[in-house]
């Protein structure tokens, strides 16, 4: 296990974040927001690039760390981001502008994702990132799979939930929810899936 932990740490330290992302991360830390790790952010960027994404939606804006990473991989994409914390979104808006991203390429929607998502158009997005209230993760993924186009990818951050999902002694509602999601996905013929240990787990679901 020590060797694996060393490798995970090496993978995180390998990533050097651009200044605007590092600044957003620092702001995130100050506010107590659990942003995606640098290595997970880099993986988001790679997936967005490999998908040739032009339309991305994320559930959970924070102060813009994940959005900045996604747009690093897909610099011509339009990002729609949902969060119920208006103050956080204002910080994210500032971070996007400071990164040189035109305002017309970022659409910030303030509201509860569970209320907003049913109004979004089906099969309209290349990438969907789920990084919000973990207790609603199954519902968010169901919406994500409805919103993403065939061949597009739904990404679920924190899928190993701080190392607790793999620990059989952990049985709280959040851990149980992630385990249920992983179990359902493993049996699904509608997606091709992969679970990466990067950060505290990134679940990747490409819609067939």
Protein backbone atom coordinates (compact mmCIF):
# COMPACT_ATOMS: atom_id res chain seq x y z
CA UNK A 1 0.00 0.00 0.00
CA UNK A 2 2.87 2.36 0.75
CA UNK A 3 4.08 2.02 -2.83
CA UNK A 4 0.60 2.88 -4.13
CA UNK A 5 0.35 5.90 -1.85
CA UNK A 6 3.75 7.10 -3.06
CA UNK A 7 2.62 6.69 -6.66
CA UNK A 8 -0.62 8.60 -6.03
CA UNK A 9 1.31 11.42 -4.37
CA UNK A 10 3.77 11.47 -7.26
CA UNK A 11 0.89 11.69 -9.75
CA UNK A 12 -0.55 14.68 -7.87
CA UNK A 13 2.79 16.44 -7.53
CA UNK A 14 3.52 15.83 -11.21
CA UNK A 15 0.86 18.37 -12.19
CA UNK A 16 1.85 22.04 -12.25
CA UNK A 17 -1.27 24.17 -12.36
CA UNK A 18 -1.46 27.36 -14.37
CA UNK A 19 -1.45 30.49 -12.27
CA UNK A 20 -5.14 31.27 -12.66
CA UNK A 21 -6.10 27.73 -11.59
CA UNK A 22 -3.71 27.84 -8.65
CA UNK A 23 -5.26 31.13 -7.54
CA UNK A 24 -8.77 29.70 -7.77
CA UNK A 25 -7.62 26.67 -5.78
CA UNK A 26 -6.19 28.88 -3.06
CA UNK A 27 -9.49 30.75 -2.86
CA UNK A 28 -11.30 27.42 -2.71
CA UNK A 29 -9.14 26.31 0.21
CA UNK A 30 -9.83 29.58 2.04
CA UNK A 31 -13.57 29.03 1.66
CA UNK A 32 -13.40 25.38 2.69
CA UNK A 33 -14.54 24.08 -0.71
CA UNK A 34 -13.36 20.59 -1.65
CA UNK A 35 -12.21 21.26 -5.21
CA UNK A 36 -10.95 18.56 -7.57
CA UNK A 37 -7.26 17.77 -7.00
CA UNK A 38 -4.63 18.92 -9.53
CA UNK A 39 -4.27 15.40 -10.96
CA UNK A 40 -8.03 14.99 -11.27
CA UNK A 41 -8.26 18.42 -12.90
CA UNK A 42 -5.64 17.39 -15.43
CA UNK A 43 -7.59 14.22 -16.17
CA UNK A 44 -10.74 16.29 -16.72
CA UNK A 45 -8.81 18.40 -19.20
CA UNK A 46 -7.52 15.35 -21.07
CA UNK A 47 -11.01 13.84 -21.32
CA UNK A 48 -12.50 17.15 -22.51
CA UNK A 49 -9.76 17.39 -25.13
CA UNK A 50 -10.10 13.75 -26.24
CA UNK A 51 -13.87 14.21 -26.56
CA UNK A 52 -13.32 17.36 -28.65
CA UNK A 53 -15.94 18.92 -26.39
CA UNK A 54 -17.77 22.01 -27.56
CA UNK A 55 -20.53 21.93 -24.93
CA UNK A 56 -19.88 21.09 -21.28
CA UNK A 57 -22.13 21.18 -18.23
CA UNK A 58 -20.96 20.85 -14.65
CA UNK A 59 -23.05 20.27 -11.56
CA UNK A 60 -21.24 22.18 -8.82
CA UNK A 61 -19.37 25.35 -9.77
CA UNK A 62 -17.40 25.99 -6.59
CA UNK A 63 -15.13 28.93 -7.36
CA UNK A 64 -14.21 27.64 -10.80
CA UNK A 65 -11.34 25.17 -10.34
CA UNK A 66 -12.97 22.29 -12.22
CA UNK A 67 -14.43 24.59 -14.86
CA UNK A 68 -11.03 26.12 -15.55
CA UNK A 69 -9.52 22.66 -15.96
CA UNK A 70 -12.29 21.55 -18.34
CA UNK A 71 -11.82 24.65 -20.48
CA UNK A 72 -8.07 24.06 -20.49
CA UNK A 73 -8.77 20.83 -22.35
CA UNK A 74 -11.53 22.30 -24.51
CA UNK A 75 -10.61 25.96 -25.02
CA UNK A 76 -13.36 26.57 -27.59
CA UNK A 77 -16.13 24.94 -25.56
CA UNK A 78 -19.08 26.60 -23.88
CA UNK A 79 -19.43 25.79 -20.19
CA UNK A 80 -22.73 25.71 -18.32
CA UNK A 81 -22.26 25.49 -14.56
CA UNK A 82 -24.90 25.04 -11.84
CA UNK A 83 -24.52 25.88 -8.15
CA UNK A 84 -26.88 27.11 -5.44
CA UNK A 85 -24.15 29.26 -3.85
CA UNK A 86 -24.38 32.59 -5.67
CA UNK A 87 -21.33 34.02 -3.87
CA UNK A 88 -19.22 31.12 -5.08
CA UNK A 89 -20.40 31.65 -8.63
CA UNK A 90 -19.46 35.31 -8.50
CA UNK A 91 -15.93 34.26 -7.51
CA UNK A 92 -15.91 31.70 -10.32
CA UNK A 93 -17.04 34.33 -12.82
CA UNK A 94 -14.11 36.52 -11.78
CA UNK A 95 -11.71 33.57 -12.10
CA UNK A 96 -12.93 32.80 -15.62
CA UNK A 97 -12.54 36.42 -16.72
CA UNK A 98 -9.05 36.65 -15.21
CA UNK A 99 -8.14 33.50 -17.15
CA UNK A 100 -9.13 35.29 -20.36
CA UNK A 101 -12.26 33.24 -20.99
CA UNK A 102 -14.93 35.36 -22.73
CA UNK A 103 -18.09 35.86 -20.71
CA UNK A 104 -20.26 34.50 -23.51
CA UNK A 105 -18.59 31.09 -23.19
CA UNK A 106 -19.56 30.57 -19.55
CA UNK A 107 -23.18 30.32 -18.43
CA UNK A 108 -23.60 30.28 -14.66
CA UNK A 109 -26.96 29.12 -13.32
CA UNK A 110 -27.72 29.81 -9.65
CA UNK A 111 -30.09 27.24 -8.19
CA UNK A 112 -30.48 23.74 -6.84
CA UNK A 113 -29.21 21.31 -9.45
CA UNK A 114 -32.04 18.90 -8.74
CA UNK A 115 -34.48 21.65 -9.83
CA UNK A 116 -32.43 22.99 -12.75
CA UNK A 117 -31.38 19.76 -14.46
CA UNK A 118 -34.85 18.62 -15.59
CA UNK A 119 -35.09 21.82 -17.65
CA UNK A 120 -31.86 21.20 -19.57
CA UNK A 121 -31.97 19.76 -23.10
CA UNK A 122 -31.38 16.05 -23.61
CA UNK A 123 -28.30 14.82 -25.49
CA UNK A 124 -26.96 18.37 -25.78
CA UNK A 125 -23.58 18.05 -24.05
CA UNK A 126 -20.29 16.38 -24.83
CA UNK A 127 -19.12 16.23 -21.21
CA UNK A 128 -21.05 16.33 -17.94
CA UNK A 129 -19.17 16.76 -14.66
CA UNK A 130 -20.89 15.81 -11.41
CA UNK A 131 -19.18 17.51 -8.48
CA UNK A 132 -21.91 18.56 -6.05
CA UNK A 133 -23.98 17.28 -3.12
CA UNK A 134 -22.75 13.66 -2.83
CA UNK A 135 -26.03 12.50 -1.27
CA UNK A 136 -27.75 13.18 -4.60
CA UNK A 137 -25.05 11.63 -6.78
CA UNK A 138 -27.24 8.87 -8.23
CA UNK A 139 -29.89 11.37 -9.33
CA UNK A 140 -27.24 13.66 -10.80
CA UNK A 141 -25.71 10.81 -12.80
CA UNK A 142 -29.14 9.81 -14.11
CA UNK A 143 -29.64 13.38 -15.32
CA UNK A 144 -26.10 13.46 -16.70
CA UNK A 145 -26.68 10.38 -18.81
CA UNK A 146 -29.84 11.98 -20.17
CA UNK A 147 -28.06 15.23 -21.01
CA UNK A 148 -24.91 13.81 -22.60
CA UNK A 149 -24.84 12.82 -26.27
CA UNK A 150 -24.01 9.32 -27.45
CA UNK A 151 -20.22 9.04 -27.30
CA UNK A 152 -20.07 11.75 -24.66
CA UNK A 153 -18.81 11.24 -21.13
CA UNK A 154 -20.23 11.77 -17.66
CA UNK A 155 -17.55 12.35 -15.03
CA UNK A 156 -18.18 11.88 -11.31
CA UNK A 157 -15.65 13.50 -8.99
CA UNK A 158 -14.90 12.15 -5.50
CA UNK A 159 -16.25 8.71 -6.46
CA UNK A 160 -14.13 7.00 -3.79
CA UNK A 161 -15.22 9.64 -1.26
CA UNK A 162 -12.05 10.39 0.69
CA UNK A 163 -10.95 6.75 0.63
CA UNK A 164 -14.06 5.59 2.47
CA UNK A 165 -15.85 3.75 -0.33
CA UNK A 166 -13.16 1.06 -0.39
CA UNK A 167 -13.32 0.57 3.39
CA UNK A 168 -16.01 -2.01 4.24
CA UNK A 169 -16.26 -0.61 7.76
CA UNK A 170 -17.65 2.67 6.39
CA UNK A 171 -21.42 2.54 5.93
CA UNK A 172 -22.76 6.09 6.11
CA UNK A 173 -25.34 7.30 3.59
CA UNK A 174 -22.82 9.05 1.32
CA UNK A 175 -20.55 6.00 1.09
CA UNK A 176 -23.55 3.73 0.54
CA UNK A 177 -24.76 6.01 -2.26
CA UNK A 178 -21.45 5.88 -4.09
CA UNK A 179 -21.27 2.10 -3.68
CA UNK A 180 -24.79 1.74 -5.07
CA UNK A 181 -23.86 3.92 -8.04
CA UNK A 182 -20.72 1.90 -8.76
CA UNK A 183 -22.64 -1.37 -8.47
CA UNK A 184 -25.34 -0.18 -10.89
CA UNK A 185 -22.80 1.13 -13.38
CA UNK A 186 -20.82 -2.11 -13.32
CA UNK A 187 -23.93 -3.96 -14.52
CA UNK A 188 -25.01 -1.40 -17.11
CA UNK A 189 -24.78 -2.09 -20.84
CA UNK A 190 -25.59 1.55 -21.65
CA UNK A 191 -22.13 2.87 -20.83
CA UNK A 192 -18.49 1.93 -20.85
CA UNK A 193 -17.00 2.85 -17.50
CA UNK A 194 -13.70 3.27 -15.70
CA UNK A 195 -12.90 4.18 -12.11
CA UNK A 196 -9.65 6.05 -11.59
CA UNK A 197 -8.08 6.47 -8.12
CA UNK A 198 -6.84 9.94 -9.08
CA UNK A 199 -7.63 12.45 -6.32
CA UNK A 200 -10.29 10.68 -4.29
CA UNK A 201 -11.73 8.86 -7.26
CA UNK A 202 -12.95 9.83 -10.73
CA UNK A 203 -15.71 7.71 -12.27
CA UNK A 204 -15.86 7.98 -16.05
CA UNK A 205 -18.96 6.89 -18.00
CA UNK A 206 -19.03 7.09 -21.78
CA UNK A 207 -22.53 6.74 -23.20
CA UNK A 208 -22.94 4.04 -25.83
